[in-house]
mmCIF file of all heavy atoms, coordinates in Angstrom:
data_MODEL
# 
_entry.id   MODEL 
# 
loop_
_atom_site.group_PDB 
_atom_site.id 
_atom_site.type_symbol 
_atom_site.label_atom_id 
_atom_site.label_alt_id 
_atom_site.label_comp_id 
_atom_site.label_asym_id 
_atom_site.label_entity_id 
_atom_site.label_seq_id 
_atom_site.pdbx_PDB_ins_code 
_atom_site.Cartn_x 
_atom_site.Cartn_y 
_atom_site.Cartn_z 
_atom_site.occupancy 
_atom_site.B_iso_or_equiv 
_atom_site.pdbx_formal_charge 
_atom_site.auth_seq_id 
_atom_site.auth_comp_id 
_atom_site.auth_asym_id 
_atom_site.auth_atom_id 
_atom_site.pdbx_PDB_model_num 
ATOM 1   N N   . LYS A 1 1  ? 10.570 1.937  0.705  1.00 0.00 ? 1  LYS A N   1 
ATOM 2   C CA  . LYS A 1 1  ? 11.795 2.124  -0.052 1.00 0.00 ? 1  LYS A CA  1 
ATOM 3   C C   . LYS A 1 1  ? 12.886 2.636  0.885  1.00 0.00 ? 1  LYS A C   1 
ATOM 4   O O   . LYS A 1 1  ? 12.617 3.326  1.849  1.00 0.00 ? 1  LYS A O   1 
ATOM 5   C CB  . LYS A 1 1  ? 11.575 3.128  -1.182 1.00 0.00 ? 1  LYS A CB  1 
ATOM 6   C CG  . LYS A 1 1  ? 10.549 2.669  -2.209 1.00 0.00 ? 1  LYS A CG  1 
ATOM 7   C CD  . LYS A 1 1  ? 10.392 3.714  -3.292 1.00 0.00 ? 1  LYS A CD  1 
ATOM 8   C CE  . LYS A 1 1  ? 9.361  3.278  -4.324 1.00 0.00 ? 1  LYS A CE  1 
ATOM 9   N NZ  . LYS A 1 1  ? 9.176  4.284  -5.378 1.00 0.00 ? 1  LYS A NZ  1 
ATOM 10  N N   . ILE A 1 2  ? 14.089 2.295  0.593  1.00 0.00 ? 2  ILE A N   1 
ATOM 11  C CA  . ILE A 1 2  ? 15.234 2.792  1.346  1.00 0.00 ? 2  ILE A CA  1 
ATOM 12  C C   . ILE A 1 2  ? 16.044 3.642  0.392  1.00 0.00 ? 2  ILE A C   1 
ATOM 13  O O   . ILE A 1 2  ? 16.497 3.165  -0.642 1.00 0.00 ? 2  ILE A O   1 
ATOM 14  C CB  . ILE A 1 2  ? 16.088 1.647  1.897  1.00 0.00 ? 2  ILE A CB  1 
ATOM 15  C CG1 . ILE A 1 2  ? 15.236 0.725  2.776  1.00 0.00 ? 2  ILE A CG1 1 
ATOM 16  C CG2 . ILE A 1 2  ? 17.261 2.184  2.697  1.00 0.00 ? 2  ILE A CG2 1 
ATOM 17  C CD1 . ILE A 1 2  ? 15.950 -0.540 3.165  1.00 0.00 ? 2  ILE A CD1 1 
ATOM 18  N N   . SER A 1 3  ? 16.199 4.907  0.744  1.00 0.00 ? 3  SER A N   1 
ATOM 19  C CA  . SER A 1 3  ? 16.905 5.826  -0.146 1.00 0.00 ? 3  SER A CA  1 
ATOM 20  C C   . SER A 1 3  ? 18.220 6.238  0.474  1.00 0.00 ? 3  SER A C   1 
ATOM 21  O O   . SER A 1 3  ? 18.286 6.537  1.660  1.00 0.00 ? 3  SER A O   1 
ATOM 22  C CB  . SER A 1 3  ? 16.051 7.066  -0.404 1.00 0.00 ? 3  SER A CB  1 
ATOM 23  O OG  . SER A 1 3  ? 16.785 8.027  -1.119 1.00 0.00 ? 3  SER A OG  1 
ATOM 24  N N   . TRP A 1 4  ? 19.282 6.239  -0.302 1.00 0.00 ? 4  TRP A N   1 
ATOM 25  C CA  . TRP A 1 4  ? 20.523 6.807  0.177  1.00 0.00 ? 4  TRP A CA  1 
ATOM 26  C C   . TRP A 1 4  ? 21.245 7.467  -0.986 1.00 0.00 ? 4  TRP A C   1 
ATOM 27  O O   . TRP A 1 4  ? 21.195 7.014  -2.108 1.00 0.00 ? 4  TRP A O   1 
ATOM 28  C CB  . TRP A 1 4  ? 21.409 5.778  0.872  1.00 0.00 ? 4  TRP A CB  1 
ATOM 29  C CG  . TRP A 1 4  ? 21.934 4.680  0.007  1.00 0.00 ? 4  TRP A CG  1 
ATOM 30  C CD1 . TRP A 1 4  ? 23.119 4.640  -0.658 1.00 0.00 ? 4  TRP A CD1 1 
ATOM 31  C CD2 . TRP A 1 4  ? 21.273 3.442  -0.281 1.00 0.00 ? 4  TRP A CD2 1 
ATOM 32  N NE1 . TRP A 1 4  ? 23.247 3.460  -1.331 1.00 0.00 ? 4  TRP A NE1 1 
ATOM 33  C CE2 . TRP A 1 4  ? 22.140 2.711  -1.115 1.00 0.00 ? 4  TRP A CE2 1 
ATOM 34  C CE3 . TRP A 1 4  ? 20.054 2.885  0.096  1.00 0.00 ? 4  TRP A CE3 1 
ATOM 35  C CZ2 . TRP A 1 4  ? 21.806 1.452  -1.578 1.00 0.00 ? 4  TRP A CZ2 1 
ATOM 36  C CZ3 . TRP A 1 4  ? 19.731 1.644  -0.363 1.00 0.00 ? 4  TRP A CZ3 1 
ATOM 37  C CH2 . TRP A 1 4  ? 20.598 0.942  -1.190 1.00 0.00 ? 4  TRP A CH2 1 
ATOM 38  N N   . LEU A 1 5  ? 21.870 8.577  -0.680 1.00 0.00 ? 5  LEU A N   1 
ATOM 39  C CA  . LEU A 1 5  ? 22.633 9.300  -1.696 1.00 0.00 ? 5  LEU A CA  1 
ATOM 40  C C   . LEU A 1 5  ? 24.005 9.588  -1.122 1.00 0.00 ? 5  LEU A C   1 
ATOM 41  O O   . LEU A 1 5  ? 24.124 10.136 -0.044 1.00 0.00 ? 5  LEU A O   1 
ATOM 42  C CB  . LEU A 1 5  ? 21.943 10.620 -2.054 1.00 0.00 ? 5  LEU A CB  1 
ATOM 43  C CG  . LEU A 1 5  ? 22.635 11.442 -3.140 1.00 0.00 ? 5  LEU A CG  1 
ATOM 44  C CD1 . LEU A 1 5  ? 22.525 10.748 -4.484 1.00 0.00 ? 5  LEU A CD1 1 
ATOM 45  C CD2 . LEU A 1 5  ? 22.038 12.829 -3.221 1.00 0.00 ? 5  LEU A CD2 1 
ATOM 46  N N   . TRP A 1 6  ? 25.036 9.181  -1.826 1.00 0.00 ? 6  TRP A N   1 
ATOM 47  C CA  . TRP A 1 6  ? 26.396 9.387  -1.344 1.00 0.00 ? 6  TRP A CA  1 
ATOM 48  C C   . TRP A 1 6  ? 26.901 10.754 -1.788 1.00 0.00 ? 6  TRP A C   1 
ATOM 49  O O   . TRP A 1 6  ? 26.954 11.054 -2.961 1.00 0.00 ? 6  TRP A O   1 
ATOM 50  C CB  . TRP A 1 6  ? 27.313 8.317  -1.912 1.00 0.00 ? 6  TRP A CB  1 
ATOM 51  C CG  . TRP A 1 6  ? 27.020 6.947  -1.411 1.00 0.00 ? 6  TRP A CG  1 
ATOM 52  C CD1 . TRP A 1 6  ? 25.922 6.184  -1.676 1.00 0.00 ? 6  TRP A CD1 1 
ATOM 53  C CD2 . TRP A 1 6  ? 27.841 6.174  -0.549 1.00 0.00 ? 6  TRP A CD2 1 
ATOM 54  N NE1 . TRP A 1 6  ? 26.001 4.987  -1.046 1.00 0.00 ? 6  TRP A NE1 1 
ATOM 55  C CE2 . TRP A 1 6  ? 27.181 4.945  -0.346 1.00 0.00 ? 6  TRP A CE2 1 
ATOM 56  C CE3 . TRP A 1 6  ? 29.070 6.391  0.068  1.00 0.00 ? 6  TRP A CE3 1 
ATOM 57  C CZ2 . TRP A 1 6  ? 27.707 3.952  0.454  1.00 0.00 ? 6  TRP A CZ2 1 
ATOM 58  C CZ3 . TRP A 1 6  ? 29.594 5.378  0.852  1.00 0.00 ? 6  TRP A CZ3 1 
ATOM 59  C CH2 . TRP A 1 6  ? 28.920 4.182  1.047  1.00 0.00 ? 6  TRP A CH2 1 
ATOM 60  N N   . LYS A 1 7  ? 27.257 11.567 -0.817 1.00 0.00 ? 7  LYS A N   1 
ATOM 61  C CA  . LYS A 1 7  ? 27.941 12.812 -1.134 1.00 0.00 ? 7  LYS A CA  1 
ATOM 62  C C   . LYS A 1 7  ? 29.429 12.514 -1.340 1.00 0.00 ? 7  LYS A C   1 
ATOM 63  O O   . LYS A 1 7  ? 30.042 12.901 -2.308 1.00 0.00 ? 7  LYS A O   1 
ATOM 64  C CB  . LYS A 1 7  ? 27.761 13.818 0.001  1.00 0.00 ? 7  LYS A CB  1 
ATOM 65  C CG  . LYS A 1 7  ? 28.526 15.114 -0.176 1.00 0.00 ? 7  LYS A CG  1 
ATOM 66  C CD  . LYS A 1 7  ? 28.010 15.920 -1.332 1.00 0.00 ? 7  LYS A CD  1 
ATOM 67  C CE  . LYS A 1 7  ? 28.684 17.288 -1.345 1.00 0.00 ? 7  LYS A CE  1 
ATOM 68  N NZ  . LYS A 1 7  ? 28.250 18.082 -2.469 1.00 0.00 ? 7  LYS A NZ  1 
ATOM 69  N N   . THR A 1 8  ? 30.018 11.816 -0.390 1.00 0.00 ? 8  THR A N   1 
ATOM 70  C CA  . THR A 1 8  ? 31.338 11.216 -0.533 1.00 0.00 ? 8  THR A CA  1 
ATOM 71  C C   . THR A 1 8  ? 31.206 9.832  0.076  1.00 0.00 ? 8  THR A C   1 
ATOM 72  O O   . THR A 1 8  ? 30.180 9.478  0.629  1.00 0.00 ? 8  THR A O   1 
ATOM 73  C CB  . THR A 1 8  ? 32.421 12.003 0.239  1.00 0.00 ? 8  THR A CB  1 
ATOM 74  O OG1 . THR A 1 8  ? 32.210 11.811 1.639  1.00 0.00 ? 8  THR A OG1 1 
ATOM 75  C CG2 . THR A 1 8  ? 32.353 13.485 -0.067 1.00 0.00 ? 8  THR A CG2 1 
ATOM 76  N N   . ARG A 1 9  ? 32.228 9.049  0.017  1.00 0.00 ? 9  ARG A N   1 
ATOM 77  C CA  . ARG A 1 9  ? 32.139 7.714  0.609  1.00 0.00 ? 9  ARG A CA  1 
ATOM 78  C C   . ARG A 1 9  ? 32.041 7.789  2.124  1.00 0.00 ? 9  ARG A C   1 
ATOM 79  O O   . ARG A 1 9  ? 31.779 6.796  2.796  1.00 0.00 ? 9  ARG A O   1 
ATOM 80  C CB  . ARG A 1 9  ? 33.351 6.858  0.205  1.00 0.00 ? 9  ARG A CB  1 
ATOM 81  C CG  . ARG A 1 9  ? 34.679 7.336  0.753  1.00 0.00 ? 9  ARG A CG  1 
ATOM 82  C CD  . ARG A 1 9  ? 35.801 6.485  0.185  1.00 0.00 ? 9  ARG A CD  1 
ATOM 83  N NE  . ARG A 1 9  ? 35.684 5.099  0.632  1.00 0.00 ? 9  ARG A NE  1 
ATOM 84  C CZ  . ARG A 1 9  ? 36.495 4.558  1.522  1.00 0.00 ? 9  ARG A CZ  1 
ATOM 85  N NH1 . ARG A 1 9  ? 37.453 5.281  2.063  1.00 0.00 ? 9  ARG A NH1 1 
ATOM 86  N NH2 . ARG A 1 9  ? 36.349 3.295  1.874  1.00 0.00 ? 9  ARG A NH2 1 
ATOM 87  N N   . PHE A 1 10 ? 32.227 8.985  2.693  1.00 0.00 ? 10 PHE A N   1 
ATOM 88  C CA  . PHE A 1 10 ? 32.195 9.130  4.138  1.00 0.00 ? 10 PHE A CA  1 
ATOM 89  C C   . PHE A 1 10 ? 30.849 9.629  4.646  1.00 0.00 ? 10 PHE A C   1 
ATOM 90  O O   . PHE A 1 10 ? 30.662 9.799  5.833  1.00 0.00 ? 10 PHE A O   1 
ATOM 91  C CB  . PHE A 1 10 ? 33.274 10.116 4.603  1.00 0.00 ? 10 PHE A CB  1 
ATOM 92  C CG  . PHE A 1 10 ? 34.660 9.645  4.329  1.00 0.00 ? 10 PHE A CG  1 
ATOM 93  C CD1 . PHE A 1 10 ? 35.539 10.434 3.608  1.00 0.00 ? 10 PHE A CD1 1 
ATOM 94  C CD2 . PHE A 1 10 ? 35.093 8.412  4.783  1.00 0.00 ? 10 PHE A CD2 1 
ATOM 95  C CE1 . PHE A 1 10 ? 36.821 9.988  3.350  1.00 0.00 ? 10 PHE A CE1 1 
ATOM 96  C CE2 . PHE A 1 10 ? 36.371 7.978  4.527  1.00 0.00 ? 10 PHE A CE2 1 
ATOM 97  C CZ  . PHE A 1 10 ? 37.242 8.760  3.802  1.00 0.00 ? 10 PHE A CZ  1 
ATOM 98  N N   . LEU A 1 11 ? 29.904 9.887  3.770  1.00 0.00 ? 11 LEU A N   1 
ATOM 99  C CA  . LEU A 1 11 ? 28.654 10.511 4.214  1.00 0.00 ? 11 LEU A CA  1 
ATOM 100 C C   . LEU A 1 11 ? 27.481 9.763  3.611  1.00 0.00 ? 11 LEU A C   1 
ATOM 101 O O   . LEU A 1 11 ? 27.230 9.815  2.419  1.00 0.00 ? 11 LEU A O   1 
ATOM 102 C CB  . LEU A 1 11 ? 28.622 11.983 3.780  1.00 0.00 ? 11 LEU A CB  1 
ATOM 103 C CG  . LEU A 1 11 ? 27.445 12.804 4.275  1.00 0.00 ? 11 LEU A CG  1 
ATOM 104 C CD1 . LEU A 1 11 ? 27.342 12.743 5.790  1.00 0.00 ? 11 LEU A CD1 1 
ATOM 105 C CD2 . LEU A 1 11 ? 27.572 14.250 3.840  1.00 0.00 ? 11 LEU A CD2 1 
ATOM 106 N N   . ARG A 1 12 ? 26.736 9.032  4.454  1.00 0.00 ? 12 ARG A N   1 
ATOM 107 C CA  . ARG A 1 12 ? 25.605 8.240  4.001  1.00 0.00 ? 12 ARG A CA  1 
ATOM 108 C C   . ARG A 1 12 ? 24.395 8.596  4.831  1.00 0.00 ? 12 ARG A C   1 
ATOM 109 O O   . ARG A 1 12 ? 24.507 8.838  6.018  1.00 0.00 ? 12 ARG A O   1 
ATOM 110 C CB  . ARG A 1 12 ? 25.888 6.744  4.165  1.00 0.00 ? 12 ARG A CB  1 
ATOM 111 C CG  . ARG A 1 12 ? 27.081 6.241  3.391  1.00 0.00 ? 12 ARG A CG  1 
ATOM 112 C CD  . ARG A 1 12 ? 27.347 4.796  3.754  1.00 0.00 ? 12 ARG A CD  1 
ATOM 113 N NE  . ARG A 1 12 ? 27.889 4.713  5.105  1.00 0.00 ? 12 ARG A NE  1 
ATOM 114 C CZ  . ARG A 1 12 ? 27.903 3.580  5.816  1.00 0.00 ? 12 ARG A CZ  1 
ATOM 115 N NH1 . ARG A 1 12 ? 27.370 2.494  5.325  1.00 0.00 ? 12 ARG A NH1 1 
ATOM 116 N NH2 . ARG A 1 12 ? 28.433 3.567  7.020  1.00 0.00 ? 12 ARG A NH2 1 
ATOM 117 N N   . THR A 1 13 ? 23.235 8.580  4.217  1.00 0.00 ? 13 THR A N   1 
ATOM 118 C CA  . THR A 1 13 ? 22.003 8.736  4.975  1.00 0.00 ? 13 THR A CA  1 
ATOM 119 C C   . THR A 1 13 ? 20.961 7.796  4.405  1.00 0.00 ? 13 THR A C   1 
ATOM 120 O O   . THR A 1 13 ? 20.765 7.745  3.198  1.00 0.00 ? 13 THR A O   1 
ATOM 121 C CB  . THR A 1 13 ? 21.469 10.185 4.918  1.00 0.00 ? 13 THR A CB  1 
ATOM 122 O OG1 . THR A 1 13 ? 22.384 11.021 5.602  1.00 0.00 ? 13 THR A OG1 1 
ATOM 123 C CG2 . THR A 1 13 ? 20.118 10.290 5.606  1.00 0.00 ? 13 THR A CG2 1 
ATOM 124 N N   . HIS A 1 14 ? 20.304 7.068  5.262  1.00 0.00 ? 14 HIS A N   1 
ATOM 125 C CA  . HIS A 1 14 ? 19.226 6.189  4.856  1.00 0.00 ? 14 HIS A CA  1 
ATOM 126 C C   . HIS A 1 14 ? 17.917 6.704  5.427  1.00 0.00 ? 14 HIS A C   1 
ATOM 127 O O   . HIS A 1 14 ? 17.871 7.144  6.570  1.00 0.00 ? 14 HIS A O   1 
ATOM 128 C CB  . HIS A 1 14 ? 19.446 4.763  5.385  1.00 0.00 ? 14 HIS A CB  1 
ATOM 129 C CG  . HIS A 1 14 ? 20.712 4.134  4.915  1.00 0.00 ? 14 HIS A CG  1 
ATOM 130 N ND1 . HIS A 1 14 ? 20.869 3.602  3.659  1.00 0.00 ? 14 HIS A ND1 1 
ATOM 131 C CD2 . HIS A 1 14 ? 21.899 3.963  5.544  1.00 0.00 ? 14 HIS A CD2 1 
ATOM 132 C CE1 . HIS A 1 14 ? 22.096 3.122  3.542  1.00 0.00 ? 14 HIS A CE1 1 
ATOM 133 N NE2 . HIS A 1 14 ? 22.731 3.326  4.659  1.00 0.00 ? 14 HIS A NE2 1 
ATOM 134 N N   . LEU A 1 15 ? 16.873 6.645  4.646  1.00 0.00 ? 15 LEU A N   1 
ATOM 135 C CA  . LEU A 1 15 ? 15.528 6.899  5.149  1.00 0.00 ? 15 LEU A CA  1 
ATOM 136 C C   . LEU A 1 15 ? 14.783 5.575  5.122  1.00 0.00 ? 15 LEU A C   1 
ATOM 137 O O   . LEU A 1 15 ? 14.664 4.954  4.071  1.00 0.00 ? 15 LEU A O   1 
ATOM 138 C CB  . LEU A 1 15 ? 14.805 7.936  4.290  1.00 0.00 ? 15 LEU A CB  1 
ATOM 139 C CG  . LEU A 1 15 ? 13.341 8.160  4.687  1.00 0.00 ? 15 LEU A CG  1 
ATOM 140 C CD1 . LEU A 1 15 ? 13.265 8.789  6.061  1.00 0.00 ? 15 LEU A CD1 1 
ATOM 141 C CD2 . LEU A 1 15 ? 12.643 9.025  3.674  1.00 0.00 ? 15 LEU A CD2 1 
ATOM 142 N N   . PHE A 1 16 ? 14.302 5.151  6.261  1.00 0.00 ? 16 PHE A N   1 
ATOM 143 C CA  . PHE A 1 16 ? 13.662 3.845  6.392  1.00 0.00 ? 16 PHE A CA  1 
ATOM 144 C C   . PHE A 1 16 ? 12.259 4.104  6.887  1.00 0.00 ? 16 PHE A C   1 
ATOM 145 O O   . PHE A 1 16 ? 11.998 4.139  8.073  1.00 0.00 ? 16 PHE A O   1 
ATOM 146 C CB  . PHE A 1 16 ? 14.461 3.019  7.392  1.00 0.00 ? 16 PHE A CB  1 
ATOM 147 C CG  . PHE A 1 16 ? 14.289 1.529  7.253  1.00 0.00 ? 16 PHE A CG  1 
ATOM 148 C CD1 . PHE A 1 16 ? 14.445 0.917  6.017  1.00 0.00 ? 16 PHE A CD1 1 
ATOM 149 C CD2 . PHE A 1 16 ? 14.007 0.747  8.353  1.00 0.00 ? 16 PHE A CD2 1 
ATOM 150 C CE1 . PHE A 1 16 ? 14.323 -0.454 5.900  1.00 0.00 ? 16 PHE A CE1 1 
ATOM 151 C CE2 . PHE A 1 16 ? 13.873 -0.610 8.230  1.00 0.00 ? 16 PHE A CE2 1 
ATOM 152 C CZ  . PHE A 1 16 ? 14.029 -1.218 7.010  1.00 0.00 ? 16 PHE A CZ  1 
ATOM 153 N N   . ASN A 1 17 ? 11.332 4.367  5.958  1.00 0.00 ? 17 ASN A N   1 
ATOM 154 C CA  . ASN A 1 17 ? 10.045 4.902  6.366  1.00 0.00 ? 17 ASN A CA  1 
ATOM 155 C C   . ASN A 1 17 ? 8.968  4.400  5.416  1.00 0.00 ? 17 ASN A C   1 
ATOM 156 O O   . ASN A 1 17 ? 9.255  3.930  4.322  1.00 0.00 ? 17 ASN A O   1 
ATOM 157 C CB  . ASN A 1 17 ? 10.106 6.445  6.328  1.00 0.00 ? 17 ASN A CB  1 
ATOM 158 C CG  . ASN A 1 17 ? 9.093  7.082  7.238  1.00 0.00 ? 17 ASN A CG  1 
ATOM 159 O OD1 . ASN A 1 17 ? 8.136  6.432  7.640  1.00 0.00 ? 17 ASN A OD1 1 
ATOM 160 N ND2 . ASN A 1 17 ? 9.300  8.334  7.557  1.00 0.00 ? 17 ASN A ND2 1 
ATOM 161 N N   . LYS A 1 18 ? 7.715  4.513  5.834  1.00 0.00 ? 18 LYS A N   1 
ATOM 162 C CA  . LYS A 1 18 ? 6.605  4.115  4.979  1.00 0.00 ? 18 LYS A CA  1 
ATOM 163 C C   . LYS A 1 18 ? 6.519  4.998  3.741  1.00 0.00 ? 18 LYS A C   1 
ATOM 164 O O   . LYS A 1 18 ? 6.180  4.561  2.660  1.00 0.00 ? 18 LYS A O   1 
ATOM 165 C CB  . LYS A 1 18 ? 5.292  4.206  5.758  1.00 0.00 ? 18 LYS A CB  1 
ATOM 166 C CG  . LYS A 1 18 ? 5.171  3.207  6.901  1.00 0.00 ? 18 LYS A CG  1 
ATOM 167 C CD  . LYS A 1 18 ? 3.865  3.433  7.636  1.00 0.00 ? 18 LYS A CD  1 
ATOM 168 C CE  . LYS A 1 18 ? 3.733  2.531  8.846  1.00 0.00 ? 18 LYS A CE  1 
ATOM 169 N NZ  . LYS A 1 18 ? 2.515  2.791  9.608  1.00 0.00 ? 18 LYS A NZ  1 
ATOM 170 N N   . GLN A 1 19 ? 6.811  6.282  3.940  1.00 0.00 ? 19 GLN A N   1 
ATOM 171 C CA  . GLN A 1 19 ? 6.697  7.225  2.831  1.00 0.00 ? 19 GLN A CA  1 
ATOM 172 C C   . GLN A 1 19 ? 8.089  7.562  2.319  1.00 0.00 ? 19 GLN A C   1 
ATOM 173 O O   . GLN A 1 19 ? 8.981  7.921  3.075  1.00 0.00 ? 19 GLN A O   1 
ATOM 174 C CB  . GLN A 1 19 ? 5.984  8.499  3.288  1.00 0.00 ? 19 GLN A CB  1 
ATOM 175 C CG  . GLN A 1 19 ? 4.527  8.260  3.655  1.00 0.00 ? 19 GLN A CG  1 
ATOM 176 C CD  . GLN A 1 19 ? 3.844  9.554  3.992  1.00 0.00 ? 19 GLN A CD  1 
ATOM 177 O OE1 . GLN A 1 19 ? 4.477  10.530 4.319  1.00 0.00 ? 19 GLN A OE1 1 
ATOM 178 N NE2 . GLN A 1 19 ? 2.524  9.552  3.913  1.00 0.00 ? 19 GLN A NE2 1 
ATOM 179 N N   . PHE A 1 20 ? 8.253  7.446  1.020  1.00 0.00 ? 20 PHE A N   1 
ATOM 180 C CA  . PHE A 1 20 ? 9.558  7.659  0.406  1.00 0.00 ? 20 PHE A CA  1 
ATOM 181 C C   . PHE A 1 20 ? 9.895  9.149  0.364  1.00 0.00 ? 20 PHE A C   1 
ATOM 182 O O   . PHE A 1 20 ? 9.078  9.979  0.001  1.00 0.00 ? 20 PHE A O   1 
ATOM 183 C CB  . PHE A 1 20 ? 9.547  7.076  -0.996 1.00 0.00 ? 20 PHE A CB  1 
ATOM 184 C CG  . PHE A 1 20 ? 10.828 7.271  -1.748 1.00 0.00 ? 20 PHE A CG  1 
ATOM 185 C CD1 . PHE A 1 20 ? 11.976 6.634  -1.337 1.00 0.00 ? 20 PHE A CD1 1 
ATOM 186 C CD2 . PHE A 1 20 ? 10.875 8.075  -2.865 1.00 0.00 ? 20 PHE A CD2 1 
ATOM 187 C CE1 . PHE A 1 20 ? 13.162 6.796  -2.034 1.00 0.00 ? 20 PHE A CE1 1 
ATOM 188 C CE2 . PHE A 1 20 ? 12.058 8.240  -3.562 1.00 0.00 ? 20 PHE A CE2 1 
ATOM 189 C CZ  . PHE A 1 20 ? 13.190 7.590  -3.147 1.00 0.00 ? 20 PHE A CZ  1 
ATOM 190 N N   . PHE A 1 21 ? 11.107 9.487  0.764  1.00 0.00 ? 21 PHE A N   1 
ATOM 191 C CA  . PHE A 1 21 ? 11.563 10.877 0.685  1.00 0.00 ? 21 PHE A CA  1 
ATOM 192 C C   . PHE A 1 21 ? 13.002 10.879 0.218  1.00 0.00 ? 21 PHE A C   1 
ATOM 193 O O   . PHE A 1 21 ? 13.879 10.330 0.861  1.00 0.00 ? 21 PHE A O   1 
ATOM 194 C CB  . PHE A 1 21 ? 11.474 11.541 2.077  1.00 0.00 ? 21 PHE A CB  1 
ATOM 195 C CG  . PHE A 1 21 ? 12.093 12.903 2.128  1.00 0.00 ? 21 PHE A CG  1 
ATOM 196 C CD1 . PHE A 1 21 ? 11.591 13.956 1.359  1.00 0.00 ? 21 PHE A CD1 1 
ATOM 197 C CD2 . PHE A 1 21 ? 13.184 13.142 2.940  1.00 0.00 ? 21 PHE A CD2 1 
ATOM 198 C CE1 . PHE A 1 21 ? 12.161 15.200 1.428  1.00 0.00 ? 21 PHE A CE1 1 
ATOM 199 C CE2 . PHE A 1 21 ? 13.776 14.393 3.006  1.00 0.00 ? 21 PHE A CE2 1 
ATOM 200 C CZ  . PHE A 1 21 ? 13.262 15.422 2.247  1.00 0.00 ? 21 PHE A CZ  1 
ATOM 201 N N   . ASP A 1 22 ? 13.251 11.422 -0.960 1.00 0.00 ? 22 ASP A N   1 
ATOM 202 C CA  . ASP A 1 22 ? 14.600 11.463 -1.478 1.00 0.00 ? 22 ASP A CA  1 
ATOM 203 C C   . ASP A 1 22 ? 15.471 12.332 -0.597 1.00 0.00 ? 22 ASP A C   1 
ATOM 204 O O   . ASP A 1 22 ? 15.115 13.466 -0.273 1.00 0.00 ? 22 ASP A O   1 
ATOM 205 C CB  . ASP A 1 22 ? 14.614 12.044 -2.901 1.00 0.00 ? 22 ASP A CB  1 
ATOM 206 C CG  . ASP A 1 22 ? 14.179 11.031 -3.932 1.00 0.00 ? 22 ASP A CG  1 
ATOM 207 O OD1 . ASP A 1 22 ? 14.596 9.879  -3.810 1.00 0.00 ? 22 ASP A OD1 1 
ATOM 208 O OD2 . ASP A 1 22 ? 13.402 11.387 -4.829 1.00 0.00 ? 22 ASP A OD2 1 
ATOM 209 N N   . VAL A 1 23 ? 16.621 11.816 -0.207 1.00 0.00 ? 23 VAL A N   1 
ATOM 210 C CA  . VAL A 1 23 ? 17.539 12.527 0.648  1.00 0.00 ? 23 VAL A CA  1 
ATOM 211 C C   . VAL A 1 23 ? 18.634 13.125 -0.223 1.00 0.00 ? 23 VAL A C   1 
ATOM 212 O O   . VAL A 1 23 ? 19.336 12.399 -0.917 1.00 0.00 ? 23 VAL A O   1 
ATOM 213 C CB  . VAL A 1 23 ? 18.148 11.591 1.709  1.00 0.00 ? 23 VAL A CB  1 
ATOM 214 C CG1 . VAL A 1 23 ? 19.104 12.342 2.600  1.00 0.00 ? 23 VAL A CG1 1 
ATOM 215 C CG2 . VAL A 1 23 ? 17.034 10.972 2.535  1.00 0.00 ? 23 VAL A CG2 1 
ATOM 216 N N   . HIS A 1 24 ? 18.768 14.415 -0.194 1.00 0.00 ? 24 HIS A N   1 
ATOM 217 C CA  . HIS A 1 24 ? 19.816 15.098 -0.958 1.00 0.00 ? 24 HIS A CA  1 
ATOM 218 C C   . HIS A 1 24 ? 20.617 15.972 -0.018 1.00 0.00 ? 24 HIS A C   1 
ATOM 219 O O   . HIS A 1 24 ? 20.160 16.341 1.047  1.00 0.00 ? 24 HIS A O   1 
ATOM 220 C CB  . HIS A 1 24 ? 19.201 15.964 -2.066 1.00 0.00 ? 24 HIS A CB  1 
ATOM 221 C CG  . HIS A 1 24 ? 18.381 15.200 -3.043 1.00 0.00 ? 24 HIS A CG  1 
ATOM 222 N ND1 . HIS A 1 24 ? 18.920 14.420 -4.049 1.00 0.00 ? 24 HIS A ND1 1 
ATOM 223 C CD2 . HIS A 1 24 ? 17.029 15.074 -3.157 1.00 0.00 ? 24 HIS A CD2 1 
ATOM 224 C CE1 . HIS A 1 24 ? 17.955 13.861 -4.730 1.00 0.00 ? 24 HIS A CE1 1 
ATOM 225 N NE2 . HIS A 1 24 ? 16.804 14.232 -4.207 1.00 0.00 ? 24 HIS A NE2 1 
ATOM 226 N N   . PHE A 1 25 ? 21.796 16.321 -0.431 1.00 0.00 ? 25 PHE A N   1 
ATOM 227 C CA  . PHE A 1 25 ? 22.669 17.134 0.397  1.00 0.00 ? 25 PHE A CA  1 
ATOM 228 C C   . PHE A 1 25 ? 23.078 18.383 -0.362 1.00 0.00 ? 25 PHE A C   1 
ATOM 229 O O   . PHE A 1 25 ? 23.314 18.339 -1.559 1.00 0.00 ? 25 PHE A O   1 
ATOM 230 C CB  . PHE A 1 25 ? 23.930 16.362 0.801  1.00 0.00 ? 25 PHE A CB  1 
ATOM 231 C CG  . PHE A 1 25 ? 23.650 15.248 1.742  1.00 0.00 ? 25 PHE A CG  1 
ATOM 232 C CD1 . PHE A 1 25 ? 23.342 13.987 1.270  1.00 0.00 ? 25 PHE A CD1 1 
ATOM 233 C CD2 . PHE A 1 25 ? 23.664 15.462 3.091  1.00 0.00 ? 25 PHE A CD2 1 
ATOM 234 C CE1 . PHE A 1 25 ? 23.077 12.970 2.135  1.00 0.00 ? 25 PHE A CE1 1 
ATOM 235 C CE2 . PHE A 1 25 ? 23.410 14.457 3.970  1.00 0.00 ? 25 PHE A CE2 1 
ATOM 236 C CZ  . PHE A 1 25 ? 23.105 13.180 3.490  1.00 0.00 ? 25 PHE A CZ  1 
ATOM 237 N N   . PRO A 1 26 ? 23.184 19.486 0.373  1.00 0.00 ? 26 PRO A N   1 
ATOM 238 C CA  . PRO A 1 26 ? 23.661 20.712 -0.266 1.00 0.00 ? 26 PRO A CA  1 
ATOM 239 C C   . PRO A 1 26 ? 25.143 20.609 -0.602 1.00 0.00 ? 26 PRO A C   1 
ATOM 240 O O   . PRO A 1 26 ? 25.858 19.821 -0.011 1.00 0.00 ? 26 PRO A O   1 
ATOM 241 C CB  . PRO A 1 26 ? 23.437 21.792 0.804  1.00 0.00 ? 26 PRO A CB  1 
ATOM 242 C CG  . PRO A 1 26 ? 23.437 21.051 2.101  1.00 0.00 ? 26 PRO A CG  1 
ATOM 243 C CD  . PRO A 1 26 ? 22.844 19.702 1.791  1.00 0.00 ? 26 PRO A CD  1 
# 
């Protein structure tokens, strides 16, 4: 799975891995 969470349109993070890990931002 590829997970990304937008904090703003300027901040993206993708996790590209065998094991899914939700990416969240403080």
